[in-house]
Amino acid sequence: MSLRSPRAAFLASRSGDGSPLQYEILQEKAASLGRAAHRLTEALEALEAFDPQGDTGGDAASRRDELVARAGEAAWALTVQRELCGFRDPRWVLDTYRIPPEVARRMAPNSALTRR
């Protein structure tokens, strides 16, 4: 058995040489991309909805930090999922979803590493 890259599987499915299994794998990749994009959209919307409230207390700052971290992790997850599907440009996620700089700084596994 030989392993093929996602790009090879995609090209095989487009040329008609793909098996039903390859087609199903491509469907799951597309669904996974959609789910990751949906999670990012929800996280960004939650952060945006929280910001106008203007509450600056300790609990509010902590909640906002959680929302920023959640959005950063969701952006990271979408970027990784896209790379696994052969889409190599992470700027697409940043530009398309208009990721705020503070969220972009949290785009890493264990985002505590990027809090400096």
PDB file of N, CA and C in Angstrom:
ATOM      1  N   MET A   1       0.854  -1.176   0.000  1.00  0.00           N
ATOM      2  CA  MET A   1       0.000   0.000   0.000  1.00  0.00           C
ATOM      3  C   MET A   1       0.894   1.232   0.000  1.00  0.00           C
ATOM      4  N   SER A   2       0.586   2.162  -0.838  1.00  0.00           N
ATOM      5  CA  SER A   2       1.346   3.409  -0.865  1.00  0.00           C
ATOM      6  C   SER A   2       0.459   4.555  -0.412  1.00  0.00           C
ATOM      7  N   LEU A   3       1.081   5.506   0.238  1.00  0.00           N
ATOM      8  CA  LEU A   3       0.360   6.685   0.692  1.00  0.00           C
ATOM      9  C   LEU A   3       0.458   7.758  -0.370  1.00  0.00           C
ATOM     10  N   ARG A   4      -0.621   8.486  -0.539  1.00  0.00           N
ATOM     11  CA  ARG A   4      -0.626   9.582  -1.501  1.00  0.00           C
ATOM     12  C   ARG A   4      -0.959  10.861  -0.773  1.00  0.00           C
ATOM     13  N   SER A   5      -0.378  11.934  -1.242  1.00  0.00           N
ATOM     14  CA  SER A   5      -0.648  13.223  -0.630  1.00  0.00           C
ATOM     15  C   SER A   5      -2.092  13.633  -0.889  1.00  0.00           C
ATOM     16  N   PRO A   6      -2.631  14.543  -0.067  1.00  0.00           N
ATOM     17  CA  PRO A   6      -3.992  15.032  -0.313  1.00  0.00           C
ATOM     18  C   PRO A   6      -4.140  15.625  -1.714  1.00  0.00           C
ATOM     19  N   ARG A   7      -3.093  16.280  -2.181  1.00  0.00           N
ATOM     20  CA  ARG A   7      -3.148  16.864  -3.525  1.00  0.00           C
ATOM     21  C   ARG A   7      -3.274  15.769  -4.575  1.00  0.00           C
ATOM     22  N   ALA A   8      -2.522  14.668  -4.403  1.00  0.00           N
ATOM     23  CA  ALA A   8      -2.605  13.563  -5.356  1.00  0.00           C
ATOM     24  C   ALA A   8      -4.002  12.950  -5.341  1.00  0.00           C
ATOM     25  N   ALA A   9      -4.581  12.807  -4.153  1.00  0.00           N
ATOM     26  CA  ALA A   9      -5.936  12.260  -4.050  1.00  0.00           C
ATOM     27  C   ALA A   9      -6.942  13.185  -4.725  1.00  0.00           C
ATOM     28  N   PHE A  10      -6.757  14.494  -4.526  1.00  0.00           N
ATOM     29  CA  PHE A  10      -7.658  15.464  -5.150  1.00  0.00           C
ATOM     30  C   PHE A  10      -7.554  15.391  -6.667  1.00  0.00           C
ATOM     31  N   LEU A  11      -6.329  15.364  -7.179  1.00  0.00           N
ATOM     32  CA  LEU A  11      -6.137  15.308  -8.631  1.00  0.00           C
ATOM     33  C   LEU A  11      -6.684  14.011  -9.216  1.00  0.00           C
ATOM     34  N   ALA A  12      -6.499  12.907  -8.488  1.00  0.00           N
ATOM     35  CA  ALA A  12      -7.031  11.632  -8.960  1.00  0.00           C
ATOM     36  C   ALA A  12      -8.555  11.678  -9.024  1.00  0.00           C
ATOM     37  N   SER A  13      -9.179  12.302  -8.033  1.00  0.00           N
ATOM     38  CA  SER A  13     -10.642  12.368  -8.036  1.00  0.00           C
ATOM     39  C   SER A  13     -11.159  13.261  -9.156  1.00  0.00           C
ATOM     40  N   ARG A  14     -10.400  14.284  -9.501  1.00  0.00           N
ATOM     41  CA  ARG A  14     -10.820  15.188 -10.582  1.00  0.00           C
ATOM     42  C   ARG A  14     -10.656  14.539 -11.945  1.00  0.00           C
ATOM     43  N   SER A  15      -9.688  13.651 -12.066  1.00  0.00           N
ATOM     44  CA  SER A  15      -9.445  13.036 -13.367  1.00  0.00           C
ATOM     45  C   SER A  15     -10.300  11.794 -13.584  1.00  0.00           C
ATOM     46  N   GLY A  16     -11.097  11.429 -12.593  1.00  0.00           N
ATOM     47  CA  GLY A  16     -11.952  10.264 -12.738  1.00  0.00           C
ATOM     48  C   GLY A  16     -11.284   8.977 -12.306  1.00  0.00           C
ATOM     49  N   ASP A  17     -10.038   9.044 -11.849  1.00  0.00           N
ATOM     50  CA  ASP A  17      -9.325   7.853 -11.405  1.00  0.00           C
ATOM     51  C   ASP A  17      -9.553   7.562  -9.932  1.00  0.00           C
ATOM     52  N   GLY A  18     -10.286   8.415  -9.254  1.00  0.00           N
ATOM     53  CA  GLY A  18     -10.463   8.269  -7.810  1.00  0.00           C
ATOM     54  C   GLY A  18     -11.449   7.175  -7.461  1.00  0.00           C
ATOM     55  N   SER A  19     -11.178   6.517  -6.370  1.00  0.00           N
ATOM     56  CA  SER A  19     -12.078   5.477  -5.877  1.00  0.00           C
ATOM     57  C   SER A  19     -13.185   6.127  -5.055  1.00  0.00           C
ATOM     58  N   PRO A  20     -14.220   5.373  -4.765  1.00  0.00           N
ATOM     59  CA  PRO A  20     -15.267   5.912  -3.888  1.00  0.00           C
ATOM     60  C   PRO A  20     -14.716   6.324  -2.527  1.00  0.00           C
ATOM     61  N   LEU A  21     -13.710   5.600  -2.043  1.00  0.00           N
ATOM     62  CA  LEU A  21     -13.107   5.957  -0.773  1.00  0.00           C
ATOM     63  C   LEU A  21     -12.430   7.323  -0.853  1.00  0.00           C
ATOM     64  N   GLN A  22     -11.712   7.575  -1.929  1.00  0.00           N
ATOM     65  CA  GLN A  22     -11.071   8.885  -2.094  1.00  0.00           C
ATOM     66  C   GLN A  22     -12.117   9.990  -2.164  1.00  0.00           C
ATOM     67  N   TYR A  23     -13.192   9.730  -2.838  1.00  0.00           N
ATOM     68  CA  TYR A  23     -14.271  10.715  -2.921  1.00  0.00           C
ATOM     69  C   TYR A  23     -14.837  11.002  -1.531  1.00  0.00           C
ATOM     70  N   GLU A  24     -15.028   9.948  -0.746  1.00  0.00           N
ATOM     71  CA  GLU A  24     -15.557  10.127   0.603  1.00  0.00           C
ATOM     72  C   GLU A  24     -14.575  10.905   1.483  1.00  0.00           C
ATOM     73  N   ILE A  25     -13.296  10.642   1.318  1.00  0.00           N
ATOM     74  CA  ILE A  25     -12.280  11.376   2.073  1.00  0.00           C
ATOM     75  C   ILE A  25     -12.327  12.855   1.708  1.00  0.00           C
ATOM     76  N   LEU A  26     -12.446  13.153   0.439  1.00  0.00           N
ATOM     77  CA  LEU A  26     -12.535  14.549   0.015  1.00  0.00           C
ATOM     78  C   LEU A  26     -13.790  15.222   0.569  1.00  0.00           C
ATOM     79  N   GLN A  27     -14.884  14.485   0.616  1.00  0.00           N
ATOM     80  CA  GLN A  27     -16.109  15.042   1.197  1.00  0.00           C
ATOM     81  C   GLN A  27     -15.897  15.371   2.672  1.00  0.00           C
ATOM     82  N   GLU A  28     -15.221  14.485   3.393  1.00  0.00           N
ATOM     83  CA  GLU A  28     -14.977  14.727   4.816  1.00  0.00           C
ATOM     84  C   GLU A  28     -14.034  15.910   5.008  1.00  0.00           C
ATOM     85  N   LYS A  29     -13.051  16.059   4.139  1.00  0.00           N
ATOM     86  CA  LYS A  29     -12.150  17.214   4.233  1.00  0.00           C
ATOM     87  C   LYS A  29     -12.934  18.507   4.043  1.00  0.00           C
ATOM     88  N   ALA A  30     -13.805  18.516   3.068  1.00  0.00           N
ATOM     89  CA  ALA A  30     -14.616  19.707   2.816  1.00  0.00           C
ATOM     90  C   ALA A  30     -15.523  20.007   4.010  1.00  0.00           C
ATOM     91  N   ALA A  31     -16.136  18.972   4.562  1.00  0.00           N
ATOM     92  CA  ALA A  31     -17.010  19.162   5.728  1.00  0.00           C
ATOM     93  C   ALA A  31     -16.205  19.663   6.925  1.00  0.00           C
ATOM     94  N   SER A  32     -15.011  19.127   7.100  1.00  0.00           N
ATOM     95  CA  SER A  32     -14.153  19.549   8.211  1.00  0.00           C
ATOM     96  C   SER A  32     -13.742  21.011   8.056  1.00  0.00           C
ATOM     97  N   LEU A  33     -13.411  21.409   6.841  1.00  0.00           N
ATOM     98  CA  LEU A  33     -13.101  22.824   6.583  1.00  0.00           C
ATOM     99  C   LEU A  33     -14.293  23.707   6.928  1.00  0.00           C
ATOM    100  N   GLY A  34     -15.465  23.268   6.538  1.00  0.00           N
ATOM    101  CA  GLY A  34     -16.676  24.032   6.837  1.00  0.00           C
ATOM    102  C   GLY A  34     -16.918  24.171   8.330  1.00  0.00           C
ATOM    103  N   ARG A  35     -16.716  23.083   9.073  1.00  0.00           N
ATOM    104  CA  ARG A  35     -16.906  23.134  10.522  1.00  0.00           C
ATOM    105  C   ARG A  35     -15.885  24.059  11.175  1.00  0.00           C
ATOM    106  N   ALA A  36     -14.635  23.988  10.731  1.00  0.00           N
ATOM    107  CA  ALA A  36     -13.586  24.849  11.298  1.00  0.00           C
ATOM    108  C   ALA A  36     -13.889  26.318  10.999  1.00  0.00           C
ATOM    109  N   ALA A  37     -14.345  26.594   9.791  1.00  0.00           N
ATOM    110  CA  ALA A  37     -14.690  27.972   9.420  1.00  0.00           C
ATOM    111  C   ALA A  37     -15.873  28.468  10.251  1.00  0.00           C
ATOM    112  N   HIS A  38     -16.828  27.599  10.487  1.00  0.00           N
ATOM    113  CA  HIS A  38     -17.995  27.971  11.297  1.00  0.00           C
ATOM    114  C   HIS A  38     -17.584  28.284  12.734  1.00  0.00           C
ATOM    115  N   ARG A  39     -16.701  27.460  13.311  1.00  0.00           N
ATOM    116  CA  ARG A  39     -16.223  27.716  14.672  1.00  0.00           C
ATOM    117  C   ARG A  39     -15.490  29.051  14.751  1.00  0.00           C
ATOM    118  N   LEU A  40     -14.685  29.360  13.736  1.00  0.00           N
ATOM    119  CA  LEU A  40     -13.975  30.640  13.727  1.00  0.00           C
ATOM    120  C   LEU A  40     -14.962  31.796  13.632  1.00  0.00           C
ATOM    121  N   THR A  41     -15.920  31.688  12.757  1.00  0.00           N
ATOM    122  CA  THR A  41     -16.924  32.743  12.602  1.00  0.00           C
ATOM    123  C   THR A  41     -17.671  32.975  13.914  1.00  0.00           C
ATOM    124  N   GLU A  42     -18.080  31.896  14.576  1.00  0.00           N
ATOM    125  CA  GLU A  42     -18.779  32.035  15.851  1.00  0.00           C
ATOM    126  C   GLU A  42     -17.896  32.699  16.907  1.00  0.00           C
ATOM    127  N   ALA A  43     -16.620  32.302  16.957  1.00  0.00           N
ATOM    128  CA  ALA A  43     -15.707  32.872  17.957  1.00  0.00           C
ATOM    129  C   ALA A  43     -15.484  34.359  17.704  1.00  0.00           C
ATOM    130  N   LEU A  44     -15.323  34.745  16.448  1.00  0.00           N
ATOM    131  CA  LEU A  44     -15.127  36.162  16.127  1.00  0.00           C
ATOM    132  C   LEU A  44     -16.386  36.980  16.412  1.00  0.00           C
ATOM    133  N   GLU A  45     -17.545  36.397  16.126  1.00  0.00           N
ATOM    134  CA  GLU A  45     -18.804  37.094  16.408  1.00  0.00           C
ATOM    135  C   GLU A  45     -19.000  37.281  17.913  1.00  0.00           C
ATOM    136  N   ALA A  46     -18.642  36.268  18.700  1.00  0.00           N
ATOM    137  CA  ALA A  46     -18.771  36.377  20.155  1.00  0.00           C
ATOM    138  C   ALA A  46     -17.856  37.471  20.696  1.00  0.00           C
ATOM    139  N   LEU A  47     -16.653  37.549  20.168  1.00  0.00           N
ATOM    140  CA  LEU A  47     -15.719  38.593  20.590  1.00  0.00           C
ATOM    141  C   LEU A  47     -16.242  39.968  20.193  1.00  0.00           C
ATOM    142  N   GLU A  48     -16.726  40.091  18.984  1.00  0.00           N
ATOM    143  CA  GLU A  48     -17.252  41.373  18.506  1.00  0.00           C
ATOM    144  C   GLU A  48     -18.478  41.803  19.305  1.00  0.00           C
ATOM    145  N   ALA A  49     -19.336  40.854  19.649  1.00  0.00           N
ATOM    146  CA  ALA A  49     -20.535  41.179  20.420  1.00  0.00           C
ATOM    147  C   ALA A  49     -20.183  41.589  21.846  1.00  0.00           C
ATOM    148  N   PHE A  50     -19.108  41.048  22.373  1.00  0.00           N
ATOM    149  CA  PHE A  50     -18.709  41.364  23.739  1.00  0.00           C
ATOM    150  C   PHE A  50     -18.090  42.754  23.828  1.00  0.00           C
ATOM    151  N   ASP A  51     -17.307  43.153  22.829  1.00  0.00           N
ATOM    152  CA  ASP A  51     -16.567  44.411  22.869  1.00  0.00           C
ATOM    153  C   ASP A  51     -17.420  45.659  23.097  1.00  0.00           C
ATOM    154  N   PRO A  52     -18.535  45.849  22.427  1.00  0.00           N
ATOM    155  CA  PRO A  52     -19.280  47.099  22.609  1.00  0.00           C
ATOM    156  C   PRO A  52     -19.870  47.284  24.000  1.00  0.00           C
ATOM    157  N   GLN A  53     -19.883  46.258  24.820  1.00  0.00           N
ATOM    158  CA  GLN A  53     -20.474  46.385  26.144  1.00  0.00           C
ATOM    159  C   GLN A  53     -19.685  47.341  27.021  1.00  0.00           C
ATOM    160  N   GLY A  54     -18.404  47.506  26.743  1.00  0.00           N
ATOM    161  CA  GLY A  54     -17.607  48.512  27.435  1.00  0.00           C
ATOM    162  C   GLY A  54     -17.307  48.233  28.891  1.00  0.00           C
ATOM    163  N   ASP A  55     -17.636  47.071  29.379  1.00  0.00           N
ATOM    164  CA  ASP A  55     -17.351  46.722  30.767  1.00  0.00           C
ATOM    165  C   ASP A  55     -15.852  46.473  30.916  1.00  0.00           C
ATOM    166  N   THR A  56     -15.213  47.146  31.868  1.00  0.00           N
ATOM    167  CA  THR A  56     -13.760  47.021  32.021  1.00  0.00           C
ATOM    168  C   THR A  56     -13.367  46.376  33.338  1.00  0.00           C
ATOM    169  N   GLY A  57     -14.303  45.802  34.049  1.00  0.00           N
ATOM    170  CA  GLY A  57     -13.995  45.158  35.322  1.00  0.00           C
ATOM    171  C   GLY A  57     -13.119  43.926  35.131  1.00  0.00           C
ATOM    172  N   GLY A  58     -12.626  43.381  36.246  1.00  0.00           N
ATOM    173  CA  GLY A  58     -11.749  42.221  36.201  1.00  0.00           C
ATOM    174  C   GLY A  58     -12.384  41.013  35.539  1.00  0.00           C
ATOM    175  N   ASP A  59     -13.660  40.758  35.857  1.00  0.00           N
ATOM    176  CA  ASP A  59     -14.352  39.622  35.253  1.00  0.00           C
ATOM    177  C   ASP A  59     -14.515  39.834  33.752  1.00  0.00           C
ATOM    178  N   ALA A  60     -14.803  41.059  33.350  1.00  0.00           N
ATOM    179  CA  ALA A  60     -14.972  41.360  31.932  1.00  0.00           C
ATOM    180  C   ALA A  60     -13.651  41.180  31.180  1.00  0.00           C
ATOM    181  N   ALA A  61     -12.561  41.625  31.783  1.00  0.00           N
ATOM    182  CA  ALA A  61     -11.248  41.474  31.135  1.00  0.00           C
ATOM    183  C   ALA A  61     -10.893  40.003  31.003  1.00  0.00           C
ATOM    184  N   SER A  62     -11.205  39.239  32.012  1.00  0.00           N
ATOM    185  CA  SER A  62     -10.933  37.805  31.968  1.00  0.00           C
ATOM    186  C   SER A  62     -11.781  37.125  30.895  1.00  0.00           C
ATOM    187  N   ARG A  63     -13.052  37.493  30.823  1.00  0.00           N
ATOM    188  CA  ARG A  63     -13.959  36.915  29.809  1.00  0.00           C
ATOM    189  C   ARG A  63     -13.494  37.299  28.407  1.00  0.00           C
ATOM    190  N   ARG A  64     -13.079  38.546  28.238  1.00  0.00           N
ATOM    191  CA  ARG A  64     -12.603  38.992  26.925  1.00  0.00           C
ATOM    192  C   ARG A  64     -11.346  38.226  26.532  1.00  0.00           C
ATOM    193  N   ASP A  65     -10.461  38.016  27.484  1.00  0.00           N
ATOM    194  CA  ASP A  65      -9.246  37.253  27.211  1.00  0.00           C
ATOM    195  C   ASP A  65      -9.588  35.831  26.771  1.00  0.00           C
ATOM    196  N   GLU A  66     -10.584  35.237  27.392  1.00  0.00           N
ATOM    197  CA  GLU A  66     -11.042  33.901  26.991  1.00  0.00           C
ATOM    198  C   GLU A  66     -11.574  33.910  25.560  1.00  0.00           C
ATOM    199  N   LEU A  67     -12.328  34.953  25.220  1.00  0.00           N
ATOM    200  CA  LEU A  67     -12.883  35.054  23.872  1.00  0.00           C
ATOM    201  C   LEU A  67     -11.780  35.249  22.824  1.00  0.00           C
ATOM    202  N   VAL A  68     -10.785  36.054  23.153  1.00  0.00           N
ATOM    203  CA  VAL A  68      -9.653  36.253  22.234  1.00  0.00           C
ATOM    204  C   VAL A  68      -8.904  34.935  22.054  1.00  0.00           C
ATOM    205  N   ALA A  69      -8.675  34.212  23.153  1.00  0.00           N
ATOM    206  CA  ALA A  69      -7.974  32.925  23.071  1.00  0.00           C
ATOM    207  C   ALA A  69      -8.771  31.927  22.237  1.00  0.00           C
ATOM    208  N   ARG A  70     -10.079  31.902  22.447  1.00  0.00           N
ATOM    209  CA  ARG A  70     -10.932  30.982  21.689  1.00  0.00           C
ATOM    210  C   ARG A  70     -10.888  31.308  20.194  1.00  0.00           C
ATOM    211  N   ALA A  71     -10.942  32.576  19.864  1.00  0.00           N
ATOM    212  CA  ALA A  71     -10.875  32.982  18.458  1.00  0.00           C
ATOM    213  C   ALA A  71      -9.506  32.639  17.867  1.00  0.00           C
ATOM    214  N   GLY A  72      -8.439  32.850  18.635  1.00  0.00           N
ATOM    215  CA  GLY A  72      -7.100  32.516  18.155  1.00  0.00           C
ATOM    216  C   GLY A  72      -6.945  31.031  17.887  1.00  0.00           C
ATOM    217  N   GLU A  73      -7.460  30.214  18.785  1.00  0.00           N
ATOM    218  CA  GLU A  73      -7.390  28.769  18.582  1.00  0.00           C
ATOM    219  C   GLU A  73      -8.228  28.328  17.393  1.00  0.00           C
ATOM    220  N   ALA A  74      -9.382  28.951  17.204  1.00  0.00           N
ATOM    221  CA  ALA A  74     -10.230  28.613  16.057  1.00  0.00           C
ATOM    222  C   ALA A  74      -9.560  29.026  14.749  1.00  0.00           C
ATOM    223  N   ALA A  75      -8.906  30.180  14.752  1.00  0.00           N
ATOM    224  CA  ALA A  75      -8.188  30.622  13.542  1.00  0.00           C
ATOM    225  C   ALA A  75      -7.028  29.683  13.251  1.00  0.00           C
ATOM    226  N   TRP A  76      -6.334  29.270  14.291  1.00  0.00           N
ATOM    227  CA  TRP A  76      -5.229  28.322  14.121  1.00  0.00           C
ATOM    228  C   TRP A  76      -5.743  26.996  13.562  1.00  0.00           C
ATOM    229  N   ALA A  77      -6.842  26.507  14.119  1.00  0.00           N
ATOM    230  CA  ALA A  77      -7.408  25.234  13.669  1.00  0.00           C
ATOM    231  C   ALA A  77      -7.810  25.294  12.195  1.00  0.00           C
ATOM    232  N   LEU A  78      -8.423  26.394  11.782  1.00  0.00           N
ATOM    233  CA  LEU A  78      -8.807  26.531  10.380  1.00  0.00           C
ATOM    234  C   LEU A  78      -7.568  26.594   9.487  1.00  0.00           C
ATOM    235  N   THR A  79      -6.549  27.306   9.920  1.00  0.00           N
ATOM    236  CA  THR A  79      -5.316  27.409   9.137  1.00  0.00           C
ATOM    237  C   THR A  79      -4.676  26.033   8.964  1.00  0.00           C
ATOM    238  N   VAL A  80      -4.598  25.272  10.033  1.00  0.00           N
ATOM    239  CA  VAL A  80      -4.005  23.930   9.963  1.00  0.00           C
ATOM    240  C   VAL A  80      -4.847  23.023   9.071  1.00  0.00           C
ATOM    241  N   GLN A  81      -6.163  23.078   9.231  1.00  0.00           N
ATOM    242  CA  GLN A  81      -7.040  22.241   8.410  1.00  0.00           C
ATOM    243  C   GLN A  81      -6.884  22.573   6.934  1.00  0.00           C
ATOM    244  N   ARG A  82      -6.771  23.858   6.622  1.00  0.00           N
ATOM    245  CA  ARG A  82      -6.565  24.258   5.226  1.00  0.00           C
ATOM    246  C   ARG A  82      -5.232  23.731   4.701  1.00  0.00           C
ATOM    247  N   GLU A  83      -4.199  23.794   5.527  1.00  0.00           N
ATOM    248  CA  GLU A  83      -2.898  23.284   5.101  1.00  0.00           C
ATOM    249  C   GLU A  83      -2.956  21.786   4.840  1.00  0.00           C
ATOM    250  N   LEU A  84      -3.687  21.056   5.666  1.00  0.00           N
ATOM    251  CA  LEU A  84      -3.830  19.615   5.452  1.00  0.00           C
ATOM    252  C   LEU A  84      -4.556  19.306   4.144  1.00  0.00           C
ATOM    253  N   CYS A  85      -5.355  20.247   3.695  1.00  0.00           N
ATOM    254  CA  CYS A  85      -6.076  20.068   2.433  1.00  0.00           C
ATOM    255  C   CYS A  85      -5.295  20.619   1.242  1.00  0.00           C
ATOM    256  N   GLY A  86      -4.099  21.117   1.492  1.00  0.00           N
ATOM    257  CA  GLY A  86      -3.259  21.593   0.396  1.00  0.00           C
ATOM    258  C   GLY A  86      -3.266  23.089   0.181  1.00  0.00           C
ATOM    259  N   PHE A  87      -3.996  23.821   0.977  1.00  0.00           N
ATOM    260  CA  PHE A  87      -4.031  25.279   0.864  1.00  0.00           C
ATOM    261  C   PHE A  87      -2.975  25.849   1.801  1.00  0.00           C
ATOM    262  N   ARG A  88      -1.875  26.318   1.262  1.00  0.00           N
ATOM    263  CA  ARG A  88      -0.699  26.620   2.065  1.00  0.00           C
ATOM    264  C   ARG A  88      -0.559  28.066   2.538  1.00  0.00           C
ATOM    265  N   ASP A  89      -1.409  28.962   2.127  1.00  0.00           N
ATOM    266  CA  ASP A  89      -1.235  30.370   2.472  1.00  0.00           C
ATOM    267  C   ASP A  89      -2.060  30.746   3.705  1.00  0.00           C
ATOM    268  N   PRO A  90      -1.415  30.909   4.866  1.00  0.00           N
ATOM    269  CA  PRO A  90      -2.171  31.252   6.073  1.00  0.00           C
ATOM    270  C   PRO A  90      -2.742  32.663   6.040  1.00  0.00           C
ATOM    271  N   ARG A  91      -2.204  33.513   5.174  1.00  0.00           N
ATOM    272  CA  ARG A  91      -2.719  34.890   5.088  1.00  0.00           C
ATOM    273  C   ARG A  91      -4.166  34.912   4.615  1.00  0.00           C
ATOM    274  N   TRP A  92      -4.582  33.883   3.881  1.00  0.00           N
ATOM    275  CA  TRP A  92      -5.956  33.834   3.395  1.00  0.00           C
ATOM    276  C   TRP A  92      -6.928  33.890   4.569  1.00  0.00           C
ATOM    277  N   VAL A  93      -6.646  33.120   5.613  1.00  0.00           N
ATOM    278  CA  VAL A  93      -7.522  33.114   6.794  1.00  0.00           C
ATOM    279  C   VAL A  93      -7.517  34.493   7.441  1.00  0.00           C
ATOM    280  N   LEU A  94      -6.337  35.067   7.614  1.00  0.00           N
ATOM    281  CA  LEU A  94      -6.224  36.387   8.249  1.00  0.00           C
ATOM    282  C   LEU A  94      -6.993  37.445   7.461  1.00  0.00           C
ATOM    283  N   ASP A  95      -6.842  37.431   6.155  1.00  0.00           N
ATOM    284  CA  ASP A  95      -7.479  38.445   5.308  1.00  0.00           C
ATOM    285  C   ASP A  95      -8.986  38.205   5.151  1.00  0.00           C
ATOM    286  N   THR A  96      -9.367  36.981   4.875  1.00  0.00           N
ATOM    287  CA  THR A  96     -10.774  36.672   4.612  1.00  0.00           C
ATOM    288  C   THR A  96     -11.654  36.893   5.835  1.00  0.00           C
ATOM    289  N   TYR A  97     -11.152  36.494   6.995  1.00  0.00           N
ATOM    290  CA  TYR A  97     -11.936  36.617   8.230  1.00  0.00           C
ATOM    291  C   TYR A  97     -11.611  37.879   9.011  1.00  0.00           C
ATOM    292  N   ARG A  98     -10.760  38.731   8.442  1.00  0.00           N
ATOM    293  CA  ARG A  98     -10.347  39.989   9.084  1.00  0.00           C
ATOM    294  C   ARG A  98      -9.993  39.767  10.552  1.00  0.00           C
ATOM    295  N   ILE A  99      -9.027  38.886  10.753  1.00  0.00           N
ATOM    296  CA  ILE A  99      -8.593  38.513  12.092  1.00  0.00           C
ATOM    297  C   ILE A  99      -7.907  39.709  12.747  1.00  0.00           C
ATOM    298  N   PRO A 100      -8.394  40.162  13.901  1.00  0.00           N
ATOM    299  CA  PRO A 100      -7.736  41.270  14.603  1.00  0.00           C
ATOM    300  C   PRO A 100      -6.318  40.857  15.032  1.00  0.00           C
ATOM    301  N   PRO A 101      -5.399  41.810  15.095  1.00  0.00           N
ATOM    302  CA  PRO A 101      -4.012  41.483  15.469  1.00  0.00           C
ATOM    303  C   PRO A 101      -3.894  40.737  16.799  1.00  0.00           C
ATOM    304  N   GLU A 102      -4.705  41.112  17.792  1.00  0.00           N
ATOM    305  CA  GLU A 102      -4.608  40.428  19.079  1.00  0.00           C
ATOM    306  C   GLU A 102      -5.033  38.966  18.979  1.00  0.00           C
ATOM    307  N   VAL A 103      -5.944  38.666  18.075  1.00  0.00           N
ATOM    308  CA  VAL A 103      -6.352  37.278  17.852  1.00  0.00           C
ATOM    309  C   VAL A 103      -5.265  36.549  17.070  1.00  0.00           C
ATOM    310  N   ALA A 104      -4.697  37.211  16.076  1.00  0.00           N
ATOM    311  CA  ALA A 104      -3.634  36.597  15.279  1.00  0.00           C
ATOM    312  C   ALA A 104      -2.446  36.214  16.161  1.00  0.00           C
ATOM    313  N   ARG A 105      -2.161  37.026  17.160  1.00  0.00           N
ATOM    314  CA  ARG A 105      -1.050  36.712  18.064  1.00  0.00           C
ATOM    315  C   ARG A 105      -1.321  35.459  18.891  1.00  0.00           C
ATOM    316  N   ARG A 106      -2.593  35.085  18.998  1.00  0.00           N
ATOM    317  CA  ARG A 106      -2.958  33.907  19.790  1.00  0.00           C
ATOM    318  C   ARG A 106      -3.130  32.665  18.917  1.00  0.00           C
ATOM    319  N   MET A 107      -2.766  32.770  17.640  1.00  0.00           N
ATOM    320  CA  MET A 107      -2.903  31.641  16.716  1.00  0.00           C
ATOM    321  C   MET A 107      -1.719  30.688  16.860  1.00  0.00           C
ATOM    322  N   ALA A 108      -1.777  29.857  17.856  1.00  0.00           N
ATOM    323  CA  ALA A 108      -0.737  28.848  18.034  1.00  0.00           C
ATOM    324  C   ALA A 108      -1.251  27.809  19.009  1.00  0.00           C
ATOM    325  N   PRO A 109      -0.760  26.604  18.869  1.00  0.00           N
ATOM    326  CA  PRO A 109      -1.133  25.642  19.904  1.00  0.00           C
ATOM    327  C   PRO A 109      -0.571  26.124  21.224  1.00  0.00           C
ATOM    328  N   ASN A 110      -1.300  25.975  22.264  1.00  0.00           N
ATOM    329  CA  ASN A 110      -0.898  26.500  23.564  1.00  0.00           C
ATOM    330  C   ASN A 110      -0.612  27.988  23.433  1.00  0.00           C
ATOM    331  N   SER A 111      -1.644  28.747  23.168  1.00  0.00           N
ATOM    332  CA  SER A 111      -1.475  30.158  22.866  1.00  0.00           C
ATOM    333  C   SER A 111      -0.850  30.963  23.995  1.00  0.00           C
ATOM    334  N   ALA A 112      -0.637  30.362  25.147  1.00  0.00           N
ATOM    335  CA  ALA A 112       0.065  31.062  26.220  1.00  0.00           C
ATOM    336  C   ALA A 112       1.475  31.422  25.777  1.00  0.00           C
ATOM    337  N   LEU A 113       2.016  30.692  24.818  1.00  0.00           N
ATOM    338  CA  LEU A 113       3.355  30.991  24.314  1.00  0.00           C
ATOM    339  C   LEU A 113       3.413  32.317  23.584  1.00  0.00           C
ATOM    340  N   THR A 114       2.293  32.771  23.081  1.00  0.00           N
ATOM    341  CA  THR A 114       2.279  33.988  22.267  1.00  0.00           C
ATOM    342  C   THR A 114       1.760  35.182  23.031  1.00  0.00           C
ATOM    343  N   ARG A 115       1.607  35.101  24.321  1.00  0.00           N
ATOM    344  CA  ARG A 115       1.044  36.210  25.107  1.00  0.00           C
ATOM    345  C   ARG A 115       2.076  37.262  25.493  1.00  0.00           C
ATOM    346  N   ARG A 116       3.277  37.135  25.099  1.00  0.00           N
ATOM    347  CA  ARG A 116       4.341  38.042  25.492  1.00  0.00           C
ATOM    348  C   ARG A 116       4.142  39.443  24.985  1.00  0.00           C
TER     349      ARG A 116
END
